[in-house]
N, C-alpha and C. Protein backbone atom coordinates (compact mmCIF):
# COMPACT_ATOMS: atom_id res chain seq x y z
N MET A 1 6.63 -1.41 13.65
CA MET A 1 7.76 -1.20 14.59
C MET A 1 7.20 -0.82 15.42
N GLY A 2 6.20 -0.41 15.52
CA GLY A 2 6.16 -0.12 17.61
C GLY A 2 6.27 1.32 17.59
N ASN A 3 6.25 1.45 19.01
CA ASN A 3 6.37 2.39 19.70
C ASN A 3 8.44 2.97 19.11
N ARG A 4 8.92 1.94 19.33
CA ARG A 4 10.41 2.46 19.93
C ARG A 4 10.99 2.93 18.43
N GLY A 5 10.31 2.18 16.88
CA GLY A 5 10.77 2.36 15.89
C GLY A 5 9.64 4.76 15.33
N ASN A 6 8.63 4.63 15.89
CA ASN A 6 8.12 5.58 15.70
C ASN A 6 8.81 6.71 16.47
N ILE A 7 9.16 6.13 17.73
CA ILE A 7 10.50 7.41 18.65
C ILE A 7 11.54 7.64 18.09
N ALA A 8 12.21 6.32 17.01
CA ALA A 8 13.34 6.66 16.39
C ALA A 8 13.36 7.89 15.35
N GLY A 9 12.22 8.23 14.66
CA GLY A 9 12.15 8.51 13.34
C GLY A 9 11.02 10.38 13.61
N ILE A 10 10.52 10.07 14.73
CA ILE A 10 10.19 11.67 15.33
C ILE A 10 12.19 12.35 15.89
N GLU A 11 12.83 11.31 16.28
CA GLU A 11 13.86 12.05 17.01
C GLU A 11 14.46 12.21 15.76
N HIS A 12 14.63 11.73 14.58
CA HIS A 12 15.62 12.63 13.44
C HIS A 12 15.50 13.20 12.82
N ASN A 13 14.07 13.00 12.77
CA ASN A 13 13.11 14.24 12.08
C ASN A 13 14.00 15.43 13.16
N LEU A 14 13.62 15.27 14.41
CA LEU A 14 13.39 17.07 15.20
C LEU A 14 15.11 16.69 15.15
N ALA A 15 15.78 16.13 14.90
CA ALA A 15 17.88 16.34 15.17
C ALA A 15 17.64 17.36 13.33
N GLN A 16 17.23 16.55 12.85
CA GLN A 16 17.58 17.71 11.69
C GLN A 16 16.75 19.31 11.55
N VAL A 17 15.77 19.29 12.52
CA VAL A 17 15.12 20.63 12.88
C VAL A 17 16.57 21.47 14.03
N LYS A 18 17.04 20.52 14.74
CA LYS A 18 17.87 21.05 15.31
C LYS A 18 19.30 21.13 14.16
N LEU A 19 19.41 20.58 13.93
CA LEU A 19 20.82 21.38 12.67
C LEU A 19 20.91 22.18 11.94
N VAL A 20 19.40 21.93 11.31
CA VAL A 20 19.25 24.06 10.45
C VAL A 20 19.17 24.81 10.80
N SER A 21 18.90 24.49 12.51
CA SER A 21 18.55 25.77 13.35
C SER A 21 20.08 26.46 14.51
N GLY A 22 20.77 25.23 13.60
CA GLY A 22 22.14 25.78 13.81
C GLY A 22 22.69 25.15 15.75
N ASP A 23 21.97 24.11 16.22
CA ASP A 23 21.96 23.49 17.43
C ASP A 23 23.01 21.96 17.27
N LEU A 24 24.39 22.42 16.57
CA LEU A 24 24.35 20.76 16.69
C LEU A 24 24.38 20.35 17.81
N LYS A 25 24.79 20.26 19.01
CA LYS A 25 24.79 19.37 20.31
C LYS A 25 23.23 18.88 20.54
N GLY A 26 22.28 19.38 19.94
CA GLY A 26 20.96 19.35 20.32
C GLY A 26 20.81 18.19 19.34
N ALA A 27 21.49 18.71 18.16
CA ALA A 27 21.04 17.42 16.57
C ALA A 27 21.66 16.26 17.65
N LEU A 28 23.00 16.01 17.71
CA LEU A 28 23.90 15.20 18.02
C LEU A 28 22.88 13.90 19.05
N ALA A 29 22.72 14.95 19.66
CA ALA A 29 22.02 14.29 21.42
C ALA A 29 20.90 13.80 20.66
N LEU A 30 19.79 13.90 20.12
CA LEU A 30 19.47 13.74 19.48
C LEU A 30 18.88 12.46 17.92
N GLU A 31 20.07 12.42 17.80
CA GLU A 31 20.48 11.43 16.84
C GLU A 31 21.31 10.38 17.34
N GLU A 32 21.50 10.42 18.39
CA GLU A 32 22.82 9.51 19.40
C GLU A 32 20.86 8.28 20.19
N SER A 33 20.01 9.55 20.35
CA SER A 33 18.55 8.75 21.11
C SER A 33 18.01 7.99 20.00
N ALA A 34 17.70 8.74 18.43
CA ALA A 34 16.84 7.54 17.82
C ALA A 34 18.01 6.44 17.32
N PHE A 35 19.03 6.33 17.66
CA PHE A 35 19.66 5.44 17.20
C PHE A 35 19.56 4.06 18.55
N ARG A 36 19.41 4.69 19.59
CA ARG A 36 19.29 3.94 20.79
C ARG A 36 18.22 3.41 20.63
N HIS A 37 17.14 4.02 20.44
CA HIS A 37 15.50 3.54 20.26
C HIS A 37 15.99 2.33 19.01
N TRP A 38 16.12 2.84 18.36
CA TRP A 38 16.38 1.93 17.06
C TRP A 38 17.07 0.12 17.30
N GLN A 39 18.14 0.11 18.23
CA GLN A 39 19.04 -0.53 18.80
C GLN A 39 17.96 -1.24 19.33
N GLY A 40 17.80 -0.37 20.15
CA GLY A 40 16.26 -1.78 21.08
C GLY A 40 15.38 -1.97 20.96
N LEU A 41 14.82 -1.41 19.52
CA LEU A 41 14.12 -2.70 18.65
C LEU A 41 14.37 -3.92 18.31
N ILE A 42 15.36 -3.81 17.03
CA ILE A 42 16.21 -4.70 16.72
C ILE A 42 16.39 -6.28 17.82
N HIS A 43 17.10 -5.30 19.02
CA HIS A 43 17.26 -6.07 20.42
C HIS A 43 15.90 -6.95 20.19
N ASP A 44 14.78 -6.39 20.73
CA ASP A 44 13.55 -6.67 20.94
C ASP A 44 12.94 -7.42 20.24
N LEU A 45 13.71 -7.36 18.65
CA LEU A 45 12.67 -8.36 17.86
C LEU A 45 13.74 -9.50 17.84
N GLY A 46 14.68 -9.69 17.52
CA GLY A 46 15.60 -10.79 17.57
C GLY A 46 15.60 -11.23 16.68
N ASP A 47 15.32 -12.54 16.40
CA ASP A 47 15.28 -13.14 15.65
C ASP A 47 13.78 -13.15 14.21
N ARG A 48 13.18 -12.22 14.91
CA ARG A 48 12.41 -12.21 13.89
C ARG A 48 12.07 -10.14 12.85
N VAL A 49 14.02 -9.69 13.58
CA VAL A 49 14.27 -8.70 12.58
C VAL A 49 14.38 -8.88 11.00
N THR A 50 13.87 -8.06 9.98
CA THR A 50 13.78 -8.16 8.99
C THR A 50 14.57 -7.37 7.84
N PRO A 51 14.87 -8.27 6.94
CA PRO A 51 16.34 -6.86 6.40
C PRO A 51 15.88 -5.51 5.69
N ASP A 52 14.52 -4.87 6.03
CA ASP A 52 14.34 -3.71 6.34
C ASP A 52 14.35 -2.99 7.10
N LEU A 53 14.44 -3.16 7.88
CA LEU A 53 14.90 -3.07 9.93
C LEU A 53 16.14 -2.96 9.87
N VAL A 54 17.10 -4.31 9.34
CA VAL A 54 18.88 -3.39 8.64
C VAL A 54 18.48 -2.34 8.04
N ARG A 55 18.05 -2.54 7.03
CA ARG A 55 18.63 -1.60 6.38
C ARG A 55 18.23 -0.13 6.64
N GLY A 56 17.37 -0.68 8.15
CA GLY A 56 17.26 0.77 9.02
C GLY A 56 18.47 1.35 9.53
N GLN A 57 19.01 0.09 10.07
CA GLN A 57 19.85 0.25 11.73
C GLN A 57 21.12 1.05 10.49
N ALA A 58 21.56 0.70 9.62
CA ALA A 58 22.57 1.31 8.82
C ALA A 58 22.24 2.85 7.94
N ALA A 59 20.97 2.71 7.55
CA ALA A 59 20.96 4.17 7.59
C ALA A 59 21.17 5.18 9.20
N GLY A 60 20.72 4.73 9.95
CA GLY A 60 20.49 5.21 11.47
C GLY A 60 22.15 5.77 11.50
N LEU A 61 22.64 4.70 11.81
CA LEU A 61 24.44 4.10 11.72
C LEU A 61 24.53 6.13 10.97
N ASN A 62 24.49 5.79 9.27
CA ASN A 62 25.13 7.16 8.67
C ASN A 62 24.42 8.39 9.35
N ASN A 63 22.75 8.39 9.67
CA ASN A 63 22.17 9.56 10.59
C ASN A 63 22.82 10.31 11.43
N LEU A 64 23.73 9.32 12.08
CA LEU A 64 24.28 9.62 13.07
C LEU A 64 25.84 10.05 13.36
N ALA A 65 26.98 9.09 12.21
CA ALA A 65 28.07 9.40 11.49
C ALA A 65 27.97 10.66 11.35
N PHE A 66 26.93 11.53 10.45
CA PHE A 66 26.51 12.48 9.83
C PHE A 66 26.58 13.92 11.07
N MET A 67 25.51 13.28 11.90
CA MET A 67 25.61 14.28 12.77
C MET A 67 27.33 14.64 13.53
N GLN A 68 28.05 13.77 13.93
CA GLN A 68 28.93 13.60 14.94
C GLN A 68 30.27 14.12 13.81
N VAL A 69 30.11 14.16 12.44
CA VAL A 69 31.35 15.03 12.02
C VAL A 69 30.90 16.88 11.60
N GLN A 70 29.22 16.41 11.72
CA GLN A 70 29.50 17.98 12.19
C GLN A 70 29.35 18.54 14.09
N ASN A 71 29.63 17.63 14.16
CA ASN A 71 29.99 18.09 15.80
C ASN A 71 31.76 17.65 15.93
N LYS A 72 32.35 17.36 14.81
CA LYS A 72 33.69 17.36 14.50
C LYS A 72 34.48 15.91 15.56
N GLN A 73 33.53 15.20 15.78
CA GLN A 73 33.71 13.95 15.72
C GLN A 73 33.82 13.00 15.53
N LEU A 74 35.34 12.97 14.53
CA LEU A 74 34.97 12.85 12.82
C LEU A 74 35.51 10.68 13.36
N ASN A 75 36.36 10.85 13.97
CA ASN A 75 37.03 9.55 14.40
C ASN A 75 35.43 8.19 14.52
N LEU A 76 34.66 8.51 15.46
CA LEU A 76 33.38 8.25 15.67
C LEU A 76 32.41 8.33 14.39
N ALA A 77 32.64 9.73 13.85
CA ALA A 77 31.84 8.52 12.58
C ALA A 77 33.11 7.86 11.89
N GLN A 78 33.77 7.61 11.64
CA GLN A 78 34.35 7.30 10.33
C GLN A 78 34.03 5.31 10.89
N GLU A 79 33.82 5.62 12.73
CA GLU A 79 33.88 3.64 12.83
C GLU A 79 32.02 3.15 12.85
N ASN A 80 31.30 4.58 13.10
CA ASN A 80 29.89 3.78 12.18
C ASN A 80 29.91 4.46 10.82
N TYR A 81 30.35 5.14 10.18
CA TYR A 81 30.03 4.98 8.77
C TYR A 81 30.86 3.21 8.06
N GLN A 82 31.84 3.24 8.67
CA GLN A 82 32.20 2.12 8.48
C GLN A 82 31.65 0.12 8.79
N LYS A 83 30.93 0.90 9.80
CA LYS A 83 29.68 -0.27 10.24
C LYS A 83 28.83 -0.21 9.12
N ALA A 84 28.15 0.61 8.75
CA ALA A 84 27.16 1.25 7.99
C ALA A 84 27.98 -0.22 6.27
N LEU A 85 28.30 0.66 6.32
CA LEU A 85 29.29 0.04 5.16
C LEU A 85 29.13 -1.50 5.02
N ILE A 86 29.46 -2.10 6.13
CA ILE A 86 29.41 -3.77 6.48
C ILE A 86 28.31 -4.12 6.26
N ILE A 87 27.01 -3.27 7.61
CA ILE A 87 25.45 -3.67 6.59
C ILE A 87 25.17 -4.25 5.31
N TRP A 88 25.73 -2.83 4.73
CA TRP A 88 24.75 -2.95 3.51
C TRP A 88 25.40 -4.11 2.67
N GLN A 89 26.57 -3.61 2.88
CA GLN A 89 27.76 -5.01 2.02
C GLN A 89 26.92 -6.50 2.45
N GLN A 90 26.96 -6.79 3.59
CA GLN A 90 25.84 -8.02 4.26
C GLN A 90 24.89 -7.98 3.62
N LEU A 91 23.85 -6.93 3.21
CA LEU A 91 22.66 -6.52 2.56
C LEU A 91 22.44 -7.36 1.21
N GLY A 92 23.95 -7.00 0.83
CA GLY A 92 24.12 -6.82 -1.34
C GLY A 92 22.97 -5.43 -1.16
N ASP A 93 23.22 -4.15 -0.76
CA ASP A 93 22.80 -3.17 -1.82
C ASP A 93 23.48 -2.55 -1.54
N LYS A 94 23.93 -2.68 -3.45
CA LYS A 94 25.01 -1.58 -3.87
C LYS A 94 24.84 0.15 -3.67
N ASN A 95 23.15 0.53 -3.54
CA ASN A 95 23.51 2.16 -2.83
C ASN A 95 23.78 2.14 -2.34
N GLY A 96 23.67 1.60 -0.41
CA GLY A 96 23.75 2.04 0.34
C GLY A 96 25.40 1.80 0.52
N GLU A 97 26.09 0.76 0.05
CA GLU A 97 27.20 0.83 -0.05
C GLU A 97 27.98 2.11 -0.74
N ALA A 98 27.74 1.95 -1.49
CA ALA A 98 27.98 3.19 -2.11
C ALA A 98 28.14 4.49 -1.56
N SER A 99 26.75 4.89 -1.31
CA SER A 99 27.12 5.62 -0.43
C SER A 99 27.70 5.88 0.75
N SER A 100 27.90 4.86 1.70
CA SER A 100 28.77 4.91 2.63
C SER A 100 30.33 4.60 2.49
N LEU A 101 30.48 4.39 1.33
CA LEU A 101 31.69 4.57 0.34
C LEU A 101 32.02 6.48 0.36
N ASN A 102 30.97 6.67 0.22
CA ASN A 102 30.96 8.43 -0.16
C ASN A 102 31.14 8.65 1.10
N ASN A 103 30.36 8.98 1.76
CA ASN A 103 30.68 9.34 2.84
C ASN A 103 32.23 8.97 3.46
N LEU A 104 32.55 8.02 3.85
CA LEU A 104 34.27 7.82 3.89
C LEU A 104 34.73 8.52 3.56
N GLY A 105 35.32 8.37 2.02
CA GLY A 105 35.90 9.66 1.22
C GLY A 105 35.41 11.19 1.61
N TYR A 106 34.71 11.07 2.35
CA TYR A 106 34.01 12.60 2.86
C TYR A 106 35.24 12.81 3.50
N LEU A 107 35.03 12.13 3.85
CA LEU A 107 35.73 12.20 5.66
C LEU A 107 37.31 12.18 5.70
N ALA A 108 37.41 11.14 4.67
CA ALA A 108 39.10 11.15 4.32
C ALA A 108 39.00 12.61 3.64
N PHE A 109 38.59 12.96 3.09
CA PHE A 109 39.03 14.17 2.65
C PHE A 109 38.93 14.99 4.14
N LEU A 110 38.35 15.86 4.53
CA LEU A 110 38.01 16.63 6.04
C LEU A 110 39.12 16.69 6.19
N GLN A 111 39.95 15.51 6.62
CA GLN A 111 40.30 14.80 6.99
C GLN A 111 42.06 14.72 6.97
N GLY A 112 42.02 15.04 5.37
CA GLY A 112 43.39 15.60 4.86
C GLY A 112 44.44 14.57 4.56
N ILE A 113 43.67 13.30 4.40
CA ILE A 113 43.89 11.90 4.13
C ILE A 113 44.01 11.09 2.82
N TYR A 114 42.46 12.04 2.42
CA TYR A 114 42.62 11.45 1.12
C TYR A 114 43.07 11.32 -0.52
N PRO A 115 45.13 11.32 -0.44
CA PRO A 115 45.98 11.07 -1.27
C PRO A 115 45.47 9.81 -0.82
N GLN A 116 45.86 8.92 0.51
CA GLN A 116 46.11 7.48 0.54
C GLN A 116 44.98 6.70 0.75
N ARG A 117 43.75 7.35 0.39
CA ARG A 117 42.28 6.35 0.52
C ARG A 117 42.75 6.21 -1.41
N SER A 118 41.77 4.98 -0.89
CA SER A 118 41.72 4.02 -2.61
C SER A 118 40.49 3.40 -2.58
N ILE A 119 39.68 3.40 -3.18
CA ILE A 119 38.61 2.07 -2.60
C ILE A 119 37.84 1.75 -3.63
N THR A 120 38.82 0.37 -4.44
CA THR A 120 37.47 -0.23 -5.66
C THR A 120 36.46 -0.68 -5.43
N ILE A 121 35.47 -0.20 -5.96
CA ILE A 121 34.05 -0.63 -5.67
C ILE A 121 33.88 -2.33 -6.62
N ASN A 122 34.02 -3.33 -6.57
CA ASN A 122 33.44 -4.15 -7.80
C ASN A 122 32.24 -4.87 -8.14
N GLY A 123 31.60 -5.05 -9.00
CA GLY A 123 29.90 -4.68 -9.76
C GLY A 123 29.71 -3.74 -10.07
N LEU A 124 29.76 -2.73 -9.48
CA LEU A 124 29.11 -0.64 -9.62
C LEU A 124 29.42 -0.75 -11.04
């Protein structure tokens, strides 16, 4: 994975510490930086990107969206949860897909639009 992957992992862990300590803006900034490092790694690898790295990208989007929810950036969070969902679907990863759908459902609940939201997952 190289330095970018290691840095992304460290920043994600530090973001969790910031979150627990109540520094929501600091946690978001670290998660944003971690995701940028992950994106840079994927860009650098080009056609050598493995499915595991793509899974990491989807997980990174979920992590970023979670921090955006904590910071009341609900529209950005929705976009990132939806991007993650598409990746999970492309990978055929039903667990990841279910996680993203759960996150989108929770986000709809927070926005008070849950009566209008209905999603069917085929094959689960």
